[in-house]
Amino acid sequence: MSTKTTKKPKAPATKPAPDANGAVASEVMTLAEAAGWLRVSESGLKADTIAGRVPARFVAGEWRFNKAALVAWLSQPEPPANRPKTGAELVERIRQIRAASPYPETEEEAEEFIRKMYAARKADSVSG
């Protein structure tokens, strides 16, 4: 007596469903994931993101990066006019971002952040 086994057909592979805003969850990265994908330090990516140089969203107290937006951003040359050339220009850019932000920050906190950002970048350039 032969026993015949039948295999159940596999369900077709499906892509993750988009969420309410149209982004596929697997295309959204945390700060750590985006830094790894871009092969940069988290502190450098965070500083550039806060300065408005990298496309990202601040959601529930954490940065989120859309992979497709990062790919599009990387494919575009950065206009030199968008880059702060001096510390004073960077401070002004941060003031503009702060003014538009719903999260209040004192002048001292902003200057301390800038000091930490420069120190982190200097440490990254020395170790890299």
N, C-alpha and C. Protein backbone atom coordinates (compact mmCIF):
# COMPACT_ATOMS: atom_id res chain seq x y z
N MET A 1 0.84 -1.16 0.00
CA MET A 1 0.00 0.00 0.00
C MET A 1 0.89 1.24 0.00
N SER A 2 0.72 2.06 -0.97
CA SER A 2 1.55 3.25 -1.05
C SER A 2 0.82 4.43 -0.41
N THR A 3 1.60 5.17 0.30
CA THR A 3 1.04 6.36 0.93
C THR A 3 1.51 7.56 0.13
N LYS A 4 0.58 8.31 -0.29
CA LYS A 4 0.89 9.48 -1.10
C LYS A 4 0.76 10.73 -0.23
N THR A 5 1.83 11.48 -0.19
CA THR A 5 1.75 12.73 0.57
C THR A 5 1.54 13.87 -0.41
N THR A 6 0.70 14.73 -0.03
CA THR A 6 0.45 15.90 -0.87
C THR A 6 0.98 17.14 -0.15
N LYS A 7 1.66 17.90 -0.90
CA LYS A 7 2.19 19.14 -0.34
C LYS A 7 1.15 20.24 -0.52
N LYS A 8 1.05 21.01 0.51
CA LYS A 8 0.15 22.15 0.42
C LYS A 8 0.83 23.22 -0.40
N PRO A 9 0.10 23.86 -1.28
CA PRO A 9 0.73 24.93 -2.07
C PRO A 9 1.13 26.09 -1.14
N LYS A 10 2.31 26.66 -1.43
CA LYS A 10 2.79 27.79 -0.64
C LYS A 10 2.00 29.03 -1.02
N ALA A 11 1.75 29.83 -0.01
CA ALA A 11 1.07 31.10 -0.25
C ALA A 11 2.05 32.02 -0.97
N PRO A 12 1.59 32.80 -1.91
CA PRO A 12 2.50 33.70 -2.61
C PRO A 12 3.10 34.71 -1.63
N ALA A 13 4.37 35.02 -1.86
CA ALA A 13 5.04 36.00 -1.00
C ALA A 13 4.39 37.36 -1.21
N THR A 14 4.17 38.04 -0.12
CA THR A 14 3.55 39.36 -0.21
C THR A 14 4.47 40.39 0.40
N LYS A 15 4.41 41.56 -0.13
CA LYS A 15 5.18 42.67 0.42
C LYS A 15 4.43 43.22 1.61
N PRO A 16 5.15 43.84 2.55
CA PRO A 16 4.46 44.46 3.68
C PRO A 16 3.51 45.53 3.18
N ALA A 17 2.39 45.63 3.84
CA ALA A 17 1.39 46.62 3.45
C ALA A 17 1.86 48.01 3.87
N PRO A 18 1.61 49.01 3.04
CA PRO A 18 1.98 50.37 3.44
C PRO A 18 1.13 50.80 4.63
N ASP A 19 1.71 51.65 5.48
CA ASP A 19 0.92 52.17 6.58
C ASP A 19 0.11 53.36 6.09
N ALA A 20 -0.49 54.07 6.99
CA ALA A 20 -1.42 55.13 6.62
C ALA A 20 -0.79 56.22 5.75
N ASN A 21 0.50 56.50 5.92
CA ASN A 21 1.10 57.58 5.12
C ASN A 21 1.77 57.08 3.86
N GLY A 22 1.65 55.79 3.56
CA GLY A 22 2.16 55.26 2.31
C GLY A 22 3.55 54.66 2.39
N ALA A 23 4.27 54.81 3.48
CA ALA A 23 5.61 54.25 3.59
C ALA A 23 5.53 52.80 4.04
N VAL A 24 6.34 51.97 3.45
CA VAL A 24 6.42 50.58 3.87
C VAL A 24 7.30 50.53 5.10
N ALA A 25 6.85 49.82 6.14
CA ALA A 25 7.56 49.83 7.42
C ALA A 25 9.03 49.43 7.28
N SER A 26 9.35 48.50 6.40
CA SER A 26 10.74 48.06 6.25
C SER A 26 11.62 49.13 5.62
N GLU A 27 11.02 50.16 5.04
CA GLU A 27 11.79 51.24 4.44
C GLU A 27 12.05 52.37 5.42
N VAL A 28 11.51 52.27 6.63
CA VAL A 28 11.70 53.30 7.64
C VAL A 28 12.77 52.81 8.60
N MET A 29 13.80 53.65 8.82
CA MET A 29 14.93 53.25 9.65
C MET A 29 15.06 54.16 10.87
N THR A 30 15.59 53.61 11.94
CA THR A 30 15.93 54.39 13.12
C THR A 30 17.23 55.13 12.85
N LEU A 31 17.62 55.98 13.79
CA LEU A 31 18.89 56.69 13.67
C LEU A 31 20.06 55.71 13.54
N ALA A 32 20.07 54.69 14.39
CA ALA A 32 21.17 53.71 14.35
C ALA A 32 21.18 52.94 13.03
N GLU A 33 20.01 52.54 12.56
CA GLU A 33 19.93 51.80 11.30
C GLU A 33 20.37 52.66 10.12
N ALA A 34 19.91 53.92 10.10
CA ALA A 34 20.27 54.82 9.00
C ALA A 34 21.77 55.12 9.03
N ALA A 35 22.32 55.32 10.22
CA ALA A 35 23.77 55.58 10.32
C ALA A 35 24.55 54.37 9.81
N GLY A 36 24.12 53.18 10.16
CA GLY A 36 24.79 51.97 9.67
C GLY A 36 24.67 51.84 8.16
N TRP A 37 23.49 52.11 7.65
CA TRP A 37 23.26 52.00 6.21
C TRP A 37 24.10 53.04 5.45
N LEU A 38 24.20 54.25 6.01
CA LEU A 38 25.00 55.30 5.38
C LEU A 38 26.49 55.18 5.68
N ARG A 39 26.83 54.30 6.64
CA ARG A 39 28.21 54.10 7.07
C ARG A 39 28.83 55.37 7.64
N VAL A 40 28.06 56.02 8.54
CA VAL A 40 28.52 57.21 9.25
C VAL A 40 28.23 57.02 10.73
N SER A 41 28.79 57.89 11.54
CA SER A 41 28.53 57.80 12.98
C SER A 41 27.11 58.29 13.28
N GLU A 42 26.54 57.75 14.35
CA GLU A 42 25.21 58.20 14.76
C GLU A 42 25.23 59.67 15.15
N SER A 43 26.29 60.08 15.86
CA SER A 43 26.36 61.48 16.31
C SER A 43 26.45 62.44 15.11
N GLY A 44 27.22 62.08 14.10
CA GLY A 44 27.33 62.92 12.91
C GLY A 44 26.02 62.99 12.14
N LEU A 45 25.35 61.84 12.01
CA LEU A 45 24.06 61.82 11.30
C LEU A 45 23.03 62.63 12.06
N LYS A 46 23.01 62.47 13.38
CA LYS A 46 22.05 63.23 14.19
C LYS A 46 22.30 64.72 14.05
N ALA A 47 23.56 65.13 14.09
CA ALA A 47 23.89 66.56 13.95
C ALA A 47 23.46 67.09 12.59
N ASP A 48 23.74 66.36 11.53
CA ASP A 48 23.33 66.79 10.20
C ASP A 48 21.81 66.80 10.05
N THR A 49 21.15 65.85 10.69
CA THR A 49 19.69 65.79 10.63
C THR A 49 19.09 66.99 11.35
N ILE A 50 19.59 67.29 12.55
CA ILE A 50 19.09 68.43 13.31
C ILE A 50 19.33 69.73 12.55
N ALA A 51 20.46 69.80 11.86
CA ALA A 51 20.78 71.01 11.09
C ALA A 51 19.96 71.10 9.80
N GLY A 52 19.16 70.08 9.51
CA GLY A 52 18.29 70.13 8.34
C GLY A 52 18.96 69.69 7.05
N ARG A 53 20.11 69.03 7.15
CA ARG A 53 20.82 68.61 5.94
C ARG A 53 20.45 67.22 5.46
N VAL A 54 19.76 66.45 6.29
CA VAL A 54 19.40 65.08 5.95
C VAL A 54 17.88 64.94 6.10
N PRO A 55 17.22 64.31 5.12
CA PRO A 55 15.76 64.16 5.23
C PRO A 55 15.38 63.16 6.32
N ALA A 56 14.59 63.61 7.26
CA ALA A 56 14.16 62.75 8.37
C ALA A 56 12.96 63.38 9.05
N ARG A 57 12.35 62.61 9.91
CA ARG A 57 11.22 63.09 10.71
C ARG A 57 11.50 62.78 12.17
N PHE A 58 11.12 63.70 13.04
CA PHE A 58 11.25 63.49 14.49
C PHE A 58 9.89 63.01 14.96
N VAL A 59 9.78 61.74 15.31
CA VAL A 59 8.51 61.12 15.66
C VAL A 59 8.59 60.58 17.08
N ALA A 60 7.69 61.03 17.92
CA ALA A 60 7.60 60.55 19.29
C ALA A 60 8.96 60.58 19.99
N GLY A 61 9.72 61.64 19.76
CA GLY A 61 11.00 61.81 20.43
C GLY A 61 12.16 61.06 19.80
N GLU A 62 11.96 60.46 18.63
CA GLU A 62 13.03 59.72 17.96
C GLU A 62 13.07 60.07 16.48
N TRP A 63 14.27 60.01 15.90
CA TRP A 63 14.44 60.29 14.48
C TRP A 63 14.09 59.05 13.66
N ARG A 64 13.40 59.26 12.54
CA ARG A 64 13.07 58.20 11.60
C ARG A 64 13.49 58.65 10.20
N PHE A 65 14.03 57.72 9.43
CA PHE A 65 14.56 57.99 8.10
C PHE A 65 13.90 57.07 7.09
N ASN A 66 13.40 57.63 6.00
CA ASN A 66 12.82 56.83 4.93
C ASN A 66 13.94 56.51 3.95
N LYS A 67 14.13 55.23 3.68
CA LYS A 67 15.25 54.80 2.82
C LYS A 67 15.16 55.41 1.42
N ALA A 68 13.98 55.45 0.85
CA ALA A 68 13.82 56.02 -0.50
C ALA A 68 14.18 57.51 -0.49
N ALA A 69 13.81 58.22 0.58
CA ALA A 69 14.14 59.65 0.67
C ALA A 69 15.65 59.84 0.80
N LEU A 70 16.31 58.95 1.53
CA LEU A 70 17.76 59.04 1.66
C LEU A 70 18.45 58.76 0.32
N VAL A 71 17.96 57.78 -0.42
CA VAL A 71 18.53 57.47 -1.73
C VAL A 71 18.38 58.68 -2.66
N ALA A 72 17.20 59.28 -2.66
CA ALA A 72 16.97 60.46 -3.51
C ALA A 72 17.87 61.62 -3.07
N TRP A 73 18.00 61.81 -1.76
CA TRP A 73 18.86 62.87 -1.22
C TRP A 73 20.31 62.65 -1.61
N LEU A 74 20.78 61.41 -1.51
CA LEU A 74 22.17 61.10 -1.86
C LEU A 74 22.46 61.32 -3.34
N SER A 75 21.45 61.17 -4.18
CA SER A 75 21.67 61.29 -5.61
C SER A 75 21.72 62.75 -6.08
N GLN A 76 21.38 63.68 -5.20
CA GLN A 76 21.38 65.09 -5.55
C GLN A 76 22.62 65.77 -4.98
N PRO A 77 23.32 66.58 -5.78
CA PRO A 77 24.45 67.31 -5.22
C PRO A 77 23.95 68.37 -4.25
N GLU A 78 24.71 68.56 -3.19
CA GLU A 78 24.33 69.57 -2.20
C GLU A 78 24.78 70.94 -2.67
N PRO A 79 23.86 71.87 -2.78
CA PRO A 79 24.26 73.22 -3.18
C PRO A 79 25.17 73.83 -2.11
N PRO A 80 26.29 74.41 -2.50
CA PRO A 80 27.19 75.01 -1.51
C PRO A 80 26.51 76.04 -0.63
N ALA A 81 25.50 76.72 -1.14
CA ALA A 81 24.82 77.75 -0.36
C ALA A 81 24.11 77.15 0.86
N ASN A 82 23.79 75.87 0.82
CA ASN A 82 23.08 75.24 1.93
C ASN A 82 23.99 74.86 3.08
N ARG A 83 25.29 74.85 2.86
CA ARG A 83 26.23 74.43 3.89
C ARG A 83 26.67 75.61 4.74
N PRO A 84 26.53 75.51 6.06
CA PRO A 84 27.08 76.58 6.89
C PRO A 84 28.60 76.62 6.72
N LYS A 85 29.15 77.81 6.51
CA LYS A 85 30.59 77.94 6.30
C LYS A 85 31.32 78.27 7.59
N THR A 86 30.61 78.85 8.53
CA THR A 86 31.24 79.24 9.80
C THR A 86 30.38 78.76 10.96
N GLY A 87 30.95 78.80 12.14
CA GLY A 87 30.19 78.46 13.33
C GLY A 87 28.99 79.39 13.52
N ALA A 88 29.18 80.67 13.17
CA ALA A 88 28.08 81.64 13.31
C ALA A 88 26.92 81.28 12.38
N GLU A 89 27.23 80.84 11.17
CA GLU A 89 26.17 80.43 10.24
C GLU A 89 25.46 79.18 10.77
N LEU A 90 26.22 78.27 11.36
CA LEU A 90 25.61 77.08 11.93
C LEU A 90 24.70 77.45 13.09
N VAL A 91 25.16 78.35 13.94
CA VAL A 91 24.34 78.80 15.08
C VAL A 91 23.05 79.42 14.56
N GLU A 92 23.15 80.25 13.52
CA GLU A 92 21.94 80.88 12.96
C GLU A 92 20.99 79.83 12.39
N ARG A 93 21.54 78.85 11.70
CA ARG A 93 20.69 77.78 11.14
C ARG A 93 19.99 77.02 12.26
N ILE A 94 20.70 76.74 13.33
CA ILE A 94 20.09 76.04 14.46
C ILE A 94 19.00 76.92 15.09
N ARG A 95 19.25 78.22 15.17
CA ARG A 95 18.21 79.14 15.70
C ARG A 95 16.96 79.09 14.85
N GLN A 96 17.14 79.05 13.52
CA GLN A 96 15.98 78.98 12.62
C GLN A 96 15.21 77.68 12.85
N ILE A 97 15.93 76.59 12.99
CA ILE A 97 15.28 75.30 13.22
C ILE A 97 14.56 75.32 14.56
N ARG A 98 15.22 75.87 15.59
CA ARG A 98 14.61 75.95 16.91
C ARG A 98 13.34 76.78 16.88
N ALA A 99 13.36 77.88 16.14
CA ALA A 99 12.20 78.76 16.07
C ALA A 99 11.00 78.03 15.48
N ALA A 100 11.25 77.11 14.57
CA ALA A 100 10.17 76.35 13.94
C ALA A 100 9.80 75.10 14.71
N SER A 101 10.58 74.78 15.74
CA SER A 101 10.37 73.55 16.50
C SER A 101 9.38 73.74 17.64
N PRO A 102 8.55 72.73 17.89
CA PRO A 102 7.64 72.80 19.03
C PRO A 102 8.34 72.48 20.36
N TYR A 103 9.64 72.14 20.31
CA TYR A 103 10.40 71.78 21.50
C TYR A 103 11.29 72.94 21.91
N PRO A 104 10.97 73.65 23.01
CA PRO A 104 11.79 74.80 23.40
C PRO A 104 13.18 74.38 23.85
N GLU A 105 14.14 75.24 23.58
CA GLU A 105 15.53 74.99 23.95
C GLU A 105 16.16 76.34 24.29
N THR A 106 16.91 76.38 25.37
CA THR A 106 17.55 77.64 25.74
C THR A 106 18.78 77.87 24.87
N GLU A 107 19.26 79.11 24.88
CA GLU A 107 20.47 79.46 24.14
C GLU A 107 21.66 78.65 24.64
N GLU A 108 21.73 78.46 25.95
CA GLU A 108 22.83 77.69 26.54
C GLU A 108 22.79 76.24 26.08
N GLU A 109 21.59 75.66 26.03
CA GLU A 109 21.45 74.28 25.56
C GLU A 109 21.89 74.15 24.11
N ALA A 110 21.53 75.14 23.30
CA ALA A 110 21.91 75.11 21.88
C ALA A 110 23.43 75.21 21.74
N GLU A 111 24.05 76.11 22.49
CA GLU A 111 25.50 76.25 22.39
C GLU A 111 26.22 75.02 22.92
N GLU A 112 25.69 74.40 23.97
CA GLU A 112 26.28 73.16 24.48
C GLU A 112 26.16 72.05 23.44
N PHE A 113 25.02 71.98 22.77
CA PHE A 113 24.84 70.99 21.72
C PHE A 113 25.87 71.19 20.59
N ILE A 114 26.08 72.44 20.22
CA ILE A 114 27.04 72.74 19.16
C ILE A 114 28.44 72.32 19.58
N ARG A 115 28.83 72.62 20.84
CA ARG A 115 30.14 72.21 21.32
C ARG A 115 30.28 70.69 21.25
N LYS A 116 29.24 69.97 21.67
CA LYS A 116 29.28 68.50 21.65
C LYS A 116 29.35 67.99 20.21
N MET A 117 28.61 68.64 19.30
CA MET A 117 28.61 68.22 17.91
C MET A 117 30.00 68.38 17.29
N TYR A 118 30.62 69.54 17.53
CA TYR A 118 31.97 69.74 17.00
C TYR A 118 32.96 68.76 17.60
N ALA A 119 32.83 68.49 18.90
CA ALA A 119 33.73 67.53 19.55
C ALA A 119 33.53 66.13 18.96
N ALA A 120 32.27 65.74 18.72
CA ALA A 120 31.99 64.42 18.14
C ALA A 120 32.54 64.33 16.72
N ARG A 121 32.37 65.37 15.94
CA ARG A 121 32.91 65.36 14.57
C ARG A 121 34.43 65.31 14.58
N LYS A 122 35.04 66.05 15.51
CA LYS A 122 36.50 66.03 15.59
C LYS A 122 36.99 64.64 15.99
N ALA A 123 36.30 64.02 16.97
CA ALA A 123 36.66 62.66 17.39
C ALA A 123 36.47 61.67 16.25
N ASP A 124 35.40 61.82 15.47
CA ASP A 124 35.16 60.94 14.33
C ASP A 124 36.25 61.10 13.28
N SER A 125 36.68 62.35 13.02
CA SER A 125 37.69 62.56 11.99
C SER A 125 39.05 62.07 12.44
N VAL A 126 39.33 62.12 13.73
CA VAL A 126 40.61 61.64 14.26
C VAL A 126 40.64 60.12 14.26
N SER A 127 39.52 59.50 14.65
CA SER A 127 39.49 58.03 14.73
C SER A 127 39.26 57.39 13.37
N GLY A 128 38.70 58.13 12.42
CA GLY A 128 38.36 57.54 11.11
C GLY A 128 39.46 57.67 10.18
